[in-house]
């Protein structure tokens, strides 16, 4: 009975870990779910539109959470990043924070399982430089969510 419970637990774990796997073909083929927000010769960044959530909207300060899939062709990896994007209208600044990351190969096989950033000590909020990938993604998210140009 104990072996059966352990076996059942392992099967459930395997099913849930592969259920969230993503390949480059899935990102490109499902444009209603995954929207291309940034592209250059090294990487593409897709946003899973079903994960976009407004966390804070207080006049001059905005926070949005969204899952971004960064396809790095040079490394041959897909980084699934659960991010928070911050906009402070008074300071005219955009920052972002990775909350959790999972790494896949381009074919969808998992390279590294999910790492939650809260497990790592310290503040991991990064400023977004104008025209950087994080800046472009964040501004598009804020424009889509609040119908404003920032």
N, C-alpha and C. Protein backbone atom coordinates (compact mmCIF):
# COMPACT_ATOMS: atom_id res chain seq x y z
N UNK A 1 0.82 -1.19 0.00
CA UNK A 1 0.00 0.00 0.00
C UNK A 1 0.87 1.26 0.00
N UNK A 2 1.94 1.22 0.79
CA UNK A 2 2.84 2.38 0.87
C UNK A 2 3.52 2.62 -0.48
N UNK A 3 3.93 1.54 -1.17
CA UNK A 3 4.55 1.66 -2.49
C UNK A 3 3.57 2.23 -3.50
N UNK A 4 2.33 1.83 -3.40
CA UNK A 4 1.29 2.33 -4.30
C UNK A 4 1.08 3.83 -4.12
N UNK A 5 1.08 4.29 -2.89
CA UNK A 5 0.92 5.73 -2.63
C UNK A 5 2.12 6.50 -3.17
N UNK A 6 3.32 6.00 -2.97
CA UNK A 6 4.52 6.66 -3.49
C UNK A 6 4.50 6.69 -5.01
N UNK A 7 4.14 5.57 -5.64
CA UNK A 7 4.06 5.51 -7.09
C UNK A 7 3.02 6.50 -7.62
N UNK A 8 1.86 6.55 -6.97
CA UNK A 8 0.81 7.47 -7.38
C UNK A 8 1.28 8.92 -7.25
N UNK A 9 1.98 9.24 -6.17
CA UNK A 9 2.50 10.59 -5.96
C UNK A 9 3.50 10.97 -7.05
N UNK A 10 4.37 10.04 -7.42
CA UNK A 10 5.35 10.30 -8.48
C UNK A 10 4.67 10.53 -9.83
N UNK A 11 3.64 9.76 -10.12
CA UNK A 11 2.90 9.93 -11.38
C UNK A 11 2.24 11.30 -11.42
N UNK A 12 1.62 11.72 -10.33
CA UNK A 12 0.98 13.04 -10.26
C UNK A 12 2.02 14.14 -10.44
N UNK A 13 3.16 14.01 -9.79
CA UNK A 13 4.24 14.98 -9.92
C UNK A 13 4.73 15.07 -11.36
N UNK A 14 4.90 13.94 -12.02
CA UNK A 14 5.35 13.91 -13.40
C UNK A 14 4.33 14.57 -14.33
N UNK A 15 3.07 14.28 -14.12
CA UNK A 15 2.02 14.85 -14.96
C UNK A 15 1.96 16.36 -14.80
N UNK A 16 2.03 16.86 -13.57
CA UNK A 16 1.93 18.30 -13.36
C UNK A 16 3.17 19.03 -13.84
N UNK A 17 4.34 18.42 -13.77
CA UNK A 17 5.55 19.11 -14.23
C UNK A 17 5.62 19.17 -15.75
N UNK A 18 5.09 18.18 -16.45
CA UNK A 18 5.12 18.22 -17.91
C UNK A 18 3.90 18.94 -18.49
N UNK A 19 2.85 19.12 -17.70
CA UNK A 19 1.66 19.80 -18.20
C UNK A 19 1.92 21.26 -18.51
N UNK A 20 2.85 21.87 -17.80
CA UNK A 20 3.16 23.28 -18.01
C UNK A 20 4.31 23.48 -18.99
N UNK A 21 4.86 22.41 -19.55
CA UNK A 21 5.96 22.54 -20.49
C UNK A 21 5.50 23.31 -21.73
N UNK A 22 6.44 24.06 -22.31
CA UNK A 22 6.11 24.89 -23.47
C UNK A 22 7.23 24.79 -24.49
N UNK A 23 6.87 24.74 -25.75
CA UNK A 23 7.87 24.69 -26.82
C UNK A 23 7.72 25.95 -27.67
N UNK A 24 8.72 26.19 -28.49
CA UNK A 24 8.69 27.35 -29.39
C UNK A 24 7.51 27.24 -30.37
N UNK A 25 7.19 26.03 -30.79
CA UNK A 25 6.07 25.83 -31.71
C UNK A 25 4.75 26.22 -31.07
N UNK A 26 4.56 25.88 -29.78
CA UNK A 26 3.32 26.25 -29.09
C UNK A 26 3.19 27.76 -28.95
N UNK A 27 4.28 28.43 -28.62
CA UNK A 27 4.24 29.89 -28.48
C UNK A 27 3.87 30.55 -29.81
N UNK A 28 4.45 30.08 -30.90
CA UNK A 28 4.21 30.69 -32.21
C UNK A 28 2.83 30.35 -32.76
N UNK A 29 2.31 29.17 -32.45
CA UNK A 29 1.05 28.72 -33.03
C UNK A 29 -0.18 29.23 -32.29
N UNK A 30 -0.05 29.57 -31.02
CA UNK A 30 -1.20 29.98 -30.21
C UNK A 30 -1.18 31.48 -29.95
N UNK A 31 -1.40 32.27 -31.01
CA UNK A 31 -1.28 33.72 -30.86
C UNK A 31 -2.43 34.36 -30.10
N UNK A 32 -3.49 33.63 -29.81
CA UNK A 32 -4.55 34.17 -28.95
C UNK A 32 -4.16 34.06 -27.48
N UNK A 33 -3.37 33.08 -27.15
CA UNK A 33 -2.92 32.90 -25.76
C UNK A 33 -1.58 33.58 -25.52
N UNK A 34 -0.65 33.44 -26.47
CA UNK A 34 0.70 33.99 -26.32
C UNK A 34 0.90 35.10 -27.35
N UNK A 35 1.04 36.32 -26.85
CA UNK A 35 1.20 37.48 -27.72
C UNK A 35 2.66 37.89 -27.75
N UNK A 36 3.19 38.06 -28.96
CA UNK A 36 4.58 38.50 -29.12
C UNK A 36 4.67 39.98 -28.77
N UNK A 37 5.44 40.31 -27.72
CA UNK A 37 5.59 41.70 -27.27
C UNK A 37 6.93 42.30 -27.67
N UNK A 38 7.92 41.46 -27.90
CA UNK A 38 9.26 41.95 -28.23
C UNK A 38 9.96 40.92 -29.10
N UNK A 39 10.74 41.41 -30.06
CA UNK A 39 11.49 40.50 -30.92
C UNK A 39 12.74 41.20 -31.46
N UNK A 40 13.86 40.48 -31.43
CA UNK A 40 15.07 40.93 -32.11
C UNK A 40 15.81 39.70 -32.61
N UNK A 41 17.04 39.82 -33.05
CA UNK A 41 17.74 38.68 -33.63
C UNK A 41 18.21 37.67 -32.59
N UNK A 42 18.12 37.98 -31.30
CA UNK A 42 18.56 37.06 -30.25
C UNK A 42 17.40 36.44 -29.49
N UNK A 43 16.34 37.24 -29.26
CA UNK A 43 15.24 36.73 -28.44
C UNK A 43 13.88 37.25 -28.87
N UNK A 44 12.87 36.47 -28.51
CA UNK A 44 11.47 36.86 -28.63
C UNK A 44 10.88 36.78 -27.23
N UNK A 45 9.98 37.71 -26.92
CA UNK A 45 9.29 37.65 -25.63
C UNK A 45 7.79 37.62 -25.89
N UNK A 46 7.16 36.54 -25.41
CA UNK A 46 5.72 36.35 -25.52
C UNK A 46 5.11 36.53 -24.14
N UNK A 47 3.92 37.10 -24.09
CA UNK A 47 3.17 37.22 -22.85
C UNK A 47 1.96 36.29 -22.93
N UNK A 48 1.78 35.50 -21.87
CA UNK A 48 0.58 34.68 -21.76
C UNK A 48 -0.54 35.61 -21.30
N UNK A 49 -1.43 35.97 -22.22
CA UNK A 49 -2.44 36.99 -21.94
C UNK A 49 -3.41 36.57 -20.83
N UNK A 50 -3.55 35.28 -20.58
CA UNK A 50 -4.46 34.83 -19.52
C UNK A 50 -3.88 35.08 -18.13
N UNK A 51 -2.59 35.44 -18.04
CA UNK A 51 -1.96 35.66 -16.74
C UNK A 51 -1.83 37.13 -16.37
N UNK A 52 -2.22 38.03 -17.26
CA UNK A 52 -2.05 39.47 -16.99
C UNK A 52 -3.08 39.90 -15.95
N UNK A 53 -2.57 40.44 -14.83
CA UNK A 53 -3.45 40.87 -13.74
C UNK A 53 -2.98 42.21 -13.18
N UNK A 54 -3.93 43.12 -12.99
CA UNK A 54 -3.63 44.38 -12.34
C UNK A 54 -3.57 44.13 -10.84
N UNK A 55 -2.45 44.49 -10.25
CA UNK A 55 -2.26 44.31 -8.81
C UNK A 55 -2.53 45.62 -8.07
N UNK A 56 -2.10 46.71 -8.68
CA UNK A 56 -2.28 48.03 -8.05
C UNK A 56 -2.49 49.09 -9.12
N UNK A 57 -3.47 49.95 -8.88
CA UNK A 57 -3.77 51.06 -9.78
C UNK A 57 -4.18 52.23 -8.90
N UNK A 58 -3.18 53.00 -8.45
CA UNK A 58 -3.47 54.12 -7.56
C UNK A 58 -3.00 55.43 -8.17
N UNK A 59 -3.66 55.84 -9.22
CA UNK A 59 -3.41 57.14 -9.82
C UNK A 59 -2.06 57.30 -10.47
N UNK A 60 -1.02 57.31 -9.68
CA UNK A 60 0.32 57.52 -10.23
C UNK A 60 1.20 56.27 -10.14
N UNK A 61 0.72 55.23 -9.46
CA UNK A 61 1.54 54.02 -9.28
C UNK A 61 0.75 52.80 -9.73
N UNK A 62 1.38 52.00 -10.61
CA UNK A 62 0.71 50.84 -11.19
C UNK A 62 1.60 49.60 -11.05
N UNK A 63 0.95 48.45 -10.80
CA UNK A 63 1.67 47.17 -10.79
C UNK A 63 0.84 46.16 -11.58
N UNK A 64 1.52 45.45 -12.47
CA UNK A 64 0.89 44.38 -13.26
C UNK A 64 1.74 43.13 -13.10
N UNK A 65 1.07 42.00 -12.89
CA UNK A 65 1.74 40.69 -12.92
C UNK A 65 1.41 40.02 -14.24
N UNK A 66 2.39 39.34 -14.82
CA UNK A 66 2.18 38.61 -16.07
C UNK A 66 3.28 37.56 -16.22
N UNK A 67 2.94 36.51 -16.95
CA UNK A 67 3.93 35.48 -17.26
C UNK A 67 4.49 35.75 -18.65
N UNK A 68 5.81 35.89 -18.69
CA UNK A 68 6.53 36.17 -19.94
C UNK A 68 7.35 34.94 -20.31
N UNK A 69 7.33 34.61 -21.60
CA UNK A 69 8.16 33.54 -22.13
C UNK A 69 9.24 34.18 -22.99
N UNK A 70 10.46 34.15 -22.50
CA UNK A 70 11.58 34.72 -23.22
C UNK A 70 12.30 33.60 -23.96
N UNK A 71 12.23 33.65 -25.28
CA UNK A 71 12.86 32.64 -26.12
C UNK A 71 14.24 33.17 -26.51
N UNK A 72 15.28 32.54 -25.97
CA UNK A 72 16.65 32.97 -26.26
C UNK A 72 17.24 31.99 -27.27
N UNK A 73 17.33 32.43 -28.52
CA UNK A 73 17.79 31.56 -29.60
C UNK A 73 19.28 31.25 -29.47
N UNK A 74 20.04 32.18 -28.95
CA UNK A 74 21.48 31.98 -28.79
C UNK A 74 21.77 30.87 -27.78
N UNK A 75 20.99 30.83 -26.71
CA UNK A 75 21.16 29.81 -25.67
C UNK A 75 20.34 28.55 -25.92
N UNK A 76 19.36 28.64 -26.82
CA UNK A 76 18.50 27.49 -27.10
C UNK A 76 17.57 27.17 -25.94
N UNK A 77 17.10 28.21 -25.25
CA UNK A 77 16.26 28.03 -24.06
C UNK A 77 15.03 28.93 -24.13
N UNK A 78 14.00 28.50 -23.39
CA UNK A 78 12.81 29.31 -23.15
C UNK A 78 12.75 29.53 -21.65
N UNK A 79 12.69 30.78 -21.26
CA UNK A 79 12.60 31.14 -19.85
C UNK A 79 11.16 31.57 -19.56
N UNK A 80 10.48 30.80 -18.72
CA UNK A 80 9.12 31.15 -18.30
C UNK A 80 9.26 31.97 -17.02
N UNK A 81 9.02 33.27 -17.13
CA UNK A 81 9.20 34.18 -16.00
C UNK A 81 7.86 34.72 -15.53
N UNK A 82 7.55 34.48 -14.27
CA UNK A 82 6.38 35.07 -13.65
C UNK A 82 6.85 36.40 -13.07
N UNK A 83 6.51 37.50 -13.76
CA UNK A 83 7.06 38.82 -13.45
C UNK A 83 6.03 39.77 -12.87
N UNK A 84 6.55 40.78 -12.15
CA UNK A 84 5.78 41.95 -11.75
C UNK A 84 6.42 43.15 -12.44
N UNK A 85 5.58 44.03 -12.98
CA UNK A 85 6.04 45.25 -13.65
C UNK A 85 5.48 46.44 -12.88
N UNK A 86 6.34 47.41 -12.59
CA UNK A 86 5.98 48.57 -11.77
C UNK A 86 6.14 49.86 -12.60
N UNK A 87 5.16 50.74 -12.51
CA UNK A 87 5.28 52.04 -13.16
C UNK A 87 4.95 53.12 -12.14
N UNK A 88 5.89 54.03 -11.93
CA UNK A 88 5.70 55.18 -11.04
C UNK A 88 5.64 56.42 -11.92
N UNK A 89 4.45 56.97 -12.07
CA UNK A 89 4.25 58.10 -12.97
C UNK A 89 4.96 59.36 -12.46
N UNK A 90 5.06 59.53 -11.14
CA UNK A 90 5.75 60.70 -10.58
C UNK A 90 7.24 60.68 -10.91
N UNK A 91 7.83 59.51 -10.85
CA UNK A 91 9.27 59.38 -11.14
C UNK A 91 9.54 59.06 -12.60
N UNK A 92 8.47 58.77 -13.35
CA UNK A 92 8.59 58.37 -14.76
C UNK A 92 9.53 57.18 -14.90
N UNK A 93 9.34 56.19 -14.02
CA UNK A 93 10.23 55.04 -14.05
C UNK A 93 9.44 53.75 -14.16
N UNK A 94 10.06 52.77 -14.84
CA UNK A 94 9.50 51.43 -14.97
C UNK A 94 10.54 50.47 -14.40
N UNK A 95 10.06 49.58 -13.52
CA UNK A 95 10.91 48.54 -12.95
C UNK A 95 10.21 47.21 -13.14
N UNK A 96 10.95 46.13 -12.97
CA UNK A 96 10.35 44.81 -13.06
C UNK A 96 11.02 43.89 -12.05
N UNK A 97 10.29 42.85 -11.67
CA UNK A 97 10.79 41.88 -10.71
C UNK A 97 10.40 40.48 -11.15
N UNK A 98 11.38 39.57 -11.25
CA UNK A 98 11.04 38.17 -11.51
C UNK A 98 10.56 37.53 -10.20
N UNK A 99 9.38 36.91 -10.22
CA UNK A 99 8.85 36.24 -9.03
C UNK A 99 9.19 34.75 -9.03
N UNK A 100 9.23 34.15 -10.21
CA UNK A 100 9.58 32.74 -10.35
C UNK A 100 10.03 32.49 -11.78
N UNK A 101 10.90 31.51 -11.96
CA UNK A 101 11.42 31.18 -13.29
C UNK A 101 11.49 29.67 -13.47
N UNK A 102 11.11 29.23 -14.66
CA UNK A 102 11.28 27.84 -15.09
C UNK A 102 11.98 27.90 -16.44
N UNK A 103 12.92 26.98 -16.67
CA UNK A 103 13.68 27.00 -17.92
C UNK A 103 13.41 25.73 -18.72
N UNK A 104 13.14 25.93 -20.02
CA UNK A 104 12.87 24.84 -20.94
C UNK A 104 13.84 24.90 -22.12
N UNK A 105 14.03 23.76 -22.76
CA UNK A 105 14.70 23.76 -24.06
C UNK A 105 13.67 24.20 -25.10
N UNK A 106 14.12 24.56 -26.30
CA UNK A 106 13.19 25.03 -27.33
C UNK A 106 12.15 23.98 -27.72
N UNK A 107 12.48 22.70 -27.55
CA UNK A 107 11.52 21.63 -27.89
C UNK A 107 10.48 21.40 -26.80
N UNK A 108 10.58 22.13 -25.68
CA UNK A 108 9.59 22.00 -24.62
C UNK A 108 10.03 21.17 -23.44
N UNK A 109 11.14 20.46 -23.56
CA UNK A 109 11.62 19.67 -22.42
C UNK A 109 12.14 20.61 -21.34
N UNK A 110 11.86 20.25 -20.08
CA UNK A 110 12.28 21.09 -18.97
C UNK A 110 13.79 21.00 -18.77
N UNK A 111 14.43 22.15 -18.61
CA UNK A 111 15.85 22.23 -18.34
C UNK A 111 16.10 22.41 -16.85
N UNK A 112 15.36 23.32 -16.21
CA UNK A 112 15.43 23.54 -14.77
C UNK A 112 14.01 23.76 -14.26
N UNK A 113 13.67 23.11 -13.15
CA UNK A 113 12.33 23.27 -12.61
C UNK A 113 12.16 24.65 -11.98
N UNK A 114 10.94 24.96 -11.64
CA UNK A 114 10.54 26.29 -11.15
C UNK A 114 11.34 26.68 -9.91
N UNK A 115 11.88 27.90 -9.95
CA UNK A 115 12.57 28.49 -8.82
C UNK A 115 11.80 29.74 -8.43
N UNK A 116 11.35 29.79 -7.20
CA UNK A 116 10.64 30.96 -6.72
C UNK A 116 11.64 31.94 -6.14
N UNK A 117 11.56 33.18 -6.56
CA UNK A 117 12.55 34.18 -6.17
C UNK A 117 12.46 34.56 -4.70
N UNK A 118 11.30 34.36 -4.07
CA UNK A 118 11.19 34.65 -2.64
C UNK A 118 12.10 33.74 -1.82
N UNK A 119 12.50 32.61 -2.41
CA UNK A 119 13.42 31.70 -1.74
C UNK A 119 14.83 32.26 -1.70
N UNK A 120 15.09 33.26 -2.54
CA UNK A 120 16.41 33.89 -2.59
C UNK A 120 16.31 35.20 -1.81
N UNK A 121 17.22 35.40 -0.90
CA UNK A 121 17.17 36.61 -0.06
C UNK A 121 17.59 37.84 -0.87
N UNK A 122 17.02 38.98 -0.51
CA UNK A 122 17.39 40.23 -1.17
C UNK A 122 16.31 40.73 -2.10
N UNK A 123 16.40 41.99 -2.43
CA UNK A 123 15.44 42.61 -3.33
C UNK A 123 15.90 42.43 -4.78
N UNK A 124 15.03 41.90 -5.60
CA UNK A 124 15.36 41.67 -7.00
C UNK A 124 14.50 42.53 -7.91
N UNK A 125 14.39 43.81 -7.60
CA UNK A 125 13.65 44.72 -8.47
C UNK A 125 14.66 45.44 -9.34
N UNK A 126 14.46 45.34 -10.66
CA UNK A 126 15.42 45.89 -11.61
C UNK A 126 14.83 47.08 -12.36
N UNK A 127 15.61 48.13 -12.57
CA UNK A 127 15.13 49.23 -13.41
C UNK A 127 15.13 48.81 -14.87
N UNK A 128 14.16 49.32 -15.61
CA UNK A 128 14.08 49.04 -17.04
C UNK A 128 14.63 50.24 -17.81
N UNK A 129 15.68 50.01 -18.55
CA UNK A 129 16.26 51.06 -19.38
C UNK A 129 15.36 51.30 -20.58
N UNK A 130 15.22 52.56 -20.97
CA UNK A 130 14.37 52.89 -22.12
C UNK A 130 14.81 52.06 -23.33
N UNK A 131 13.82 51.49 -24.01
CA UNK A 131 13.98 50.64 -25.20
C UNK A 131 14.60 49.27 -24.93
N UNK A 132 14.78 48.90 -23.67
CA UNK A 132 15.23 47.55 -23.34
C UNK A 132 14.03 46.60 -23.49
N UNK A 133 14.27 45.30 -23.60
CA UNK A 133 13.14 44.36 -23.71
C UNK A 133 12.14 44.50 -22.57
N UNK A 134 12.61 44.62 -21.33
CA UNK A 134 11.69 44.73 -20.19
C UNK A 134 10.88 46.03 -20.26
N UNK A 135 11.49 47.11 -20.73
CA UNK A 135 10.81 48.39 -20.86
C UNK A 135 9.70 48.30 -21.92
N UNK A 136 10.03 47.72 -23.05
CA UNK A 136 9.05 47.60 -24.14
C UNK A 136 7.88 46.72 -23.72
N UNK A 137 8.18 45.58 -23.09
CA UNK A 137 7.11 44.69 -22.61
C UNK A 137 6.25 45.40 -21.59
N UNK A 138 6.87 46.05 -20.62
CA UNK A 138 6.11 46.74 -19.56
C UNK A 138 5.23 47.84 -20.12
N UNK A 139 5.75 48.67 -21.01
CA UNK A 139 4.93 49.76 -21.56
C UNK A 139 3.74 49.22 -22.36
N UNK A 140 3.96 48.15 -23.11
CA UNK A 140 2.83 47.56 -23.85
C UNK A 140 1.79 46.98 -22.89
N UNK A 141 2.25 46.35 -21.81
CA UNK A 141 1.31 45.81 -20.82
C UNK A 141 0.49 46.94 -20.18
N UNK A 142 1.16 48.01 -19.77
CA UNK A 142 0.45 49.13 -19.15
C UNK A 142 -0.50 49.79 -20.15
N UNK A 143 -0.09 49.93 -21.40
CA UNK A 143 -0.97 50.52 -22.41
C UNK A 143 -2.19 49.64 -22.65
N UNK A 144 -1.99 48.33 -22.74
CA UNK A 144 -3.11 47.41 -22.97
C UNK A 144 -4.05 47.36 -21.77
N UNK A 145 -3.50 47.41 -20.58
CA UNK A 145 -4.30 47.25 -19.37
C UNK A 145 -5.04 48.53 -18.99
N UNK A 146 -4.40 49.68 -19.15
CA UNK A 146 -4.97 50.95 -18.68
C UNK A 146 -5.35 51.90 -19.81
N UNK A 147 -5.12 51.52 -21.05
CA UNK A 147 -5.45 52.32 -22.22
C UNK A 147 -4.83 53.72 -22.15
N UNK A 148 -3.60 53.76 -21.64
CA UNK A 148 -2.86 55.02 -21.54
C UNK A 148 -1.50 54.84 -22.17
N UNK A 149 -0.96 55.92 -22.66
CA UNK A 149 0.42 55.91 -23.14
C UNK A 149 1.30 56.43 -22.01
N UNK A 150 2.27 55.64 -21.64
CA UNK A 150 3.16 56.01 -20.54
C UNK A 150 4.47 56.50 -21.08
